[in-house]
N, C-alpha and C. Protein backbone atom coordinates (compact mmCIF):
# COMPACT_ATOMS: atom_id res chain seq x y z
N MET A 1 9.93 13.86 -11.37
CA MET A 1 10.75 13.48 -12.48
C MET A 1 12.03 14.32 -12.41
N ILE A 2 13.13 13.67 -12.63
CA ILE A 2 14.43 14.32 -12.59
C ILE A 2 14.95 14.47 -14.01
N SER A 3 15.65 15.57 -14.26
CA SER A 3 16.23 15.76 -15.59
C SER A 3 17.74 15.79 -15.48
N GLY A 4 18.39 15.57 -16.61
CA GLY A 4 19.85 15.56 -16.65
C GLY A 4 20.30 15.66 -18.09
N ASN A 5 21.49 15.17 -18.36
CA ASN A 5 22.06 15.26 -19.69
C ASN A 5 22.41 13.88 -20.23
N ASN A 6 22.17 13.68 -21.53
CA ASN A 6 22.82 12.60 -22.27
C ASN A 6 24.17 13.14 -22.68
N VAL A 7 25.22 12.37 -22.48
CA VAL A 7 26.56 12.83 -22.85
C VAL A 7 27.11 11.87 -23.90
N SER A 8 27.38 12.39 -25.09
CA SER A 8 27.86 11.57 -26.20
C SER A 8 29.37 11.35 -26.07
N HIS A 9 29.90 10.59 -26.98
CA HIS A 9 31.34 10.32 -27.01
C HIS A 9 32.15 11.61 -27.16
N SER A 10 31.59 12.59 -27.90
CA SER A 10 32.28 13.87 -28.09
C SER A 10 31.98 14.85 -26.95
N HIS A 11 31.27 14.39 -25.95
CA HIS A 11 30.87 15.18 -24.77
C HIS A 11 29.87 16.28 -25.10
N ALA A 12 29.15 16.16 -26.23
CA ALA A 12 28.04 17.06 -26.52
C ALA A 12 26.89 16.66 -25.60
N LYS A 13 26.26 17.62 -24.95
CA LYS A 13 25.23 17.32 -23.96
C LYS A 13 23.85 17.70 -24.51
N THR A 14 22.91 16.77 -24.38
CA THR A 14 21.51 17.04 -24.72
C THR A 14 20.67 16.68 -23.50
N ARG A 15 19.57 17.39 -23.31
CA ARG A 15 18.74 17.18 -22.12
C ARG A 15 17.97 15.86 -22.22
N ARG A 16 17.77 15.24 -21.09
CA ARG A 16 16.98 14.03 -21.00
C ARG A 16 16.23 14.03 -19.69
N LYS A 17 15.27 13.11 -19.55
CA LYS A 17 14.48 12.96 -18.33
C LYS A 17 14.69 11.56 -17.77
N PHE A 18 14.76 11.48 -16.46
CA PHE A 18 14.84 10.19 -15.77
C PHE A 18 13.44 9.84 -15.29
N GLN A 19 12.89 8.74 -15.80
CA GLN A 19 11.54 8.30 -15.45
C GLN A 19 11.60 7.38 -14.23
N PRO A 20 10.59 7.42 -13.34
CA PRO A 20 10.56 6.48 -12.22
C PRO A 20 10.30 5.06 -12.72
N ASN A 21 10.78 4.10 -11.98
CA ASN A 21 10.65 2.68 -12.33
C ASN A 21 9.32 2.16 -11.79
N LEU A 22 8.21 2.47 -12.48
CA LEU A 22 6.87 2.12 -12.00
C LEU A 22 6.35 0.86 -12.68
N HIS A 23 5.60 0.08 -11.90
CA HIS A 23 4.98 -1.14 -12.38
C HIS A 23 3.54 -1.19 -11.88
N THR A 24 2.64 -1.68 -12.71
CA THR A 24 1.26 -1.94 -12.28
C THR A 24 1.22 -3.37 -11.76
N LYS A 25 0.84 -3.51 -10.48
CA LYS A 25 0.90 -4.82 -9.84
C LYS A 25 -0.34 -5.04 -9.00
N ARG A 26 -0.82 -6.28 -9.00
CA ARG A 26 -1.97 -6.66 -8.17
C ARG A 26 -1.46 -7.28 -6.87
N PHE A 27 -2.10 -6.91 -5.77
CA PHE A 27 -1.77 -7.46 -4.46
C PHE A 27 -3.04 -8.01 -3.82
N PHE A 28 -2.91 -9.13 -3.12
CA PHE A 28 -4.03 -9.71 -2.39
C PHE A 28 -3.96 -9.23 -0.95
N VAL A 29 -5.08 -8.66 -0.46
CA VAL A 29 -5.16 -8.19 0.92
C VAL A 29 -5.93 -9.24 1.72
N PRO A 30 -5.23 -10.04 2.54
CA PRO A 30 -5.94 -11.13 3.25
C PRO A 30 -6.95 -10.63 4.28
N GLU A 31 -6.78 -9.44 4.83
CA GLU A 31 -7.71 -8.93 5.82
C GLU A 31 -9.10 -8.69 5.23
N THR A 32 -9.15 -8.24 3.96
CA THR A 32 -10.43 -7.98 3.32
C THR A 32 -10.81 -9.07 2.33
N GLY A 33 -9.85 -9.88 1.91
CA GLY A 33 -10.11 -10.92 0.93
C GLY A 33 -10.21 -10.40 -0.49
N ASN A 34 -9.74 -9.17 -0.72
CA ASN A 34 -9.83 -8.54 -2.03
C ASN A 34 -8.47 -8.39 -2.68
N TRP A 35 -8.48 -8.29 -4.01
CA TRP A 35 -7.29 -7.95 -4.78
C TRP A 35 -7.33 -6.45 -5.04
N ILE A 36 -6.18 -5.78 -4.93
CA ILE A 36 -6.10 -4.37 -5.30
C ILE A 36 -4.99 -4.21 -6.33
N THR A 37 -5.16 -3.25 -7.22
CA THR A 37 -4.17 -2.97 -8.24
C THR A 37 -3.52 -1.64 -7.90
N LEU A 38 -2.20 -1.66 -7.79
CA LEU A 38 -1.44 -0.46 -7.46
C LEU A 38 -0.37 -0.21 -8.50
N MET A 39 -0.06 1.04 -8.74
CA MET A 39 1.10 1.39 -9.55
C MET A 39 2.21 1.75 -8.57
N VAL A 40 3.17 0.88 -8.45
CA VAL A 40 4.22 1.05 -7.45
C VAL A 40 5.59 0.99 -8.10
N SER A 41 6.55 1.61 -7.43
CA SER A 41 7.94 1.56 -7.89
C SER A 41 8.55 0.23 -7.47
N ALA A 42 9.72 -0.06 -8.01
CA ALA A 42 10.42 -1.28 -7.63
C ALA A 42 10.75 -1.26 -6.14
N ASN A 43 11.11 -0.08 -5.63
CA ASN A 43 11.39 0.04 -4.20
C ASN A 43 10.11 -0.15 -3.39
N GLY A 44 8.97 0.32 -3.91
CA GLY A 44 7.70 0.13 -3.22
C GLY A 44 7.32 -1.33 -3.11
N ILE A 45 7.61 -2.11 -4.13
CA ILE A 45 7.33 -3.55 -4.09
C ILE A 45 8.17 -4.20 -2.99
N ARG A 46 9.42 -3.78 -2.85
CA ARG A 46 10.28 -4.32 -1.79
C ARG A 46 9.75 -3.96 -0.41
N ILE A 47 9.24 -2.73 -0.26
CA ILE A 47 8.68 -2.30 1.03
C ILE A 47 7.44 -3.13 1.36
N ILE A 48 6.58 -3.37 0.36
CA ILE A 48 5.38 -4.18 0.58
C ILE A 48 5.76 -5.60 0.97
N ASN A 49 6.77 -6.16 0.33
CA ASN A 49 7.22 -7.52 0.68
C ASN A 49 7.78 -7.56 2.09
N LYS A 50 8.43 -6.49 2.53
CA LYS A 50 9.04 -6.47 3.86
C LYS A 50 8.00 -6.25 4.96
N LYS A 51 7.14 -5.21 4.80
CA LYS A 51 6.18 -4.85 5.84
C LYS A 51 4.89 -5.65 5.77
N GLY A 52 4.50 -6.05 4.58
CA GLY A 52 3.18 -6.63 4.36
C GLY A 52 2.28 -5.58 3.75
N ILE A 53 1.30 -6.02 3.00
CA ILE A 53 0.45 -5.09 2.25
C ILE A 53 -0.41 -4.24 3.18
N ALA A 54 -0.91 -4.81 4.28
CA ALA A 54 -1.78 -4.04 5.17
C ALA A 54 -1.02 -2.89 5.82
N ALA A 55 0.17 -3.15 6.32
CA ALA A 55 0.97 -2.10 6.95
C ALA A 55 1.42 -1.06 5.94
N ALA A 56 1.77 -1.49 4.74
CA ALA A 56 2.21 -0.56 3.71
C ALA A 56 1.05 0.34 3.27
N LEU A 57 -0.17 -0.22 3.15
CA LEU A 57 -1.33 0.59 2.79
C LEU A 57 -1.67 1.58 3.89
N LYS A 58 -1.52 1.17 5.15
CA LYS A 58 -1.78 2.06 6.28
C LYS A 58 -0.82 3.24 6.25
N ASP A 59 0.47 2.97 6.04
CA ASP A 59 1.47 4.04 5.97
C ASP A 59 1.20 4.96 4.78
N ALA A 60 0.85 4.38 3.63
CA ALA A 60 0.58 5.18 2.43
C ALA A 60 -0.66 6.05 2.61
N THR A 61 -1.67 5.55 3.31
CA THR A 61 -2.88 6.32 3.57
C THR A 61 -2.58 7.49 4.49
N GLU A 62 -1.76 7.26 5.52
CA GLU A 62 -1.39 8.34 6.44
C GLU A 62 -0.60 9.43 5.74
N LYS A 63 0.24 9.06 4.77
CA LYS A 63 1.04 10.04 4.04
C LYS A 63 0.29 10.66 2.87
N GLY A 64 -0.92 10.15 2.55
CA GLY A 64 -1.73 10.72 1.49
C GLY A 64 -1.44 10.15 0.10
N PHE A 65 -0.73 9.05 0.01
CA PHE A 65 -0.42 8.44 -1.28
C PHE A 65 -1.52 7.51 -1.76
N TYR A 66 -2.32 6.99 -0.85
CA TYR A 66 -3.35 6.00 -1.18
C TYR A 66 -4.62 6.35 -0.47
N LYS A 67 -5.74 6.28 -1.18
CA LYS A 67 -7.03 6.53 -0.56
C LYS A 67 -7.87 5.27 -0.72
N ALA A 68 -8.26 4.70 0.41
CA ALA A 68 -9.01 3.43 0.41
C ALA A 68 -10.40 3.59 -0.11
């Protein structure tokens, strides 16, 4: 999580947090015939659409983000 400032019209600064753009999404894995539910970012959804779910899960498992 990243933090920063809200800046008002008078330039008074108050602290704020930037939340990641996460979505809970179901994906169908044709190799196993199962549906899986993942919490992924918007960029993660684009990566899954580009590589395919099997390749994306393999990469995520190698990096320690997903445990099958």
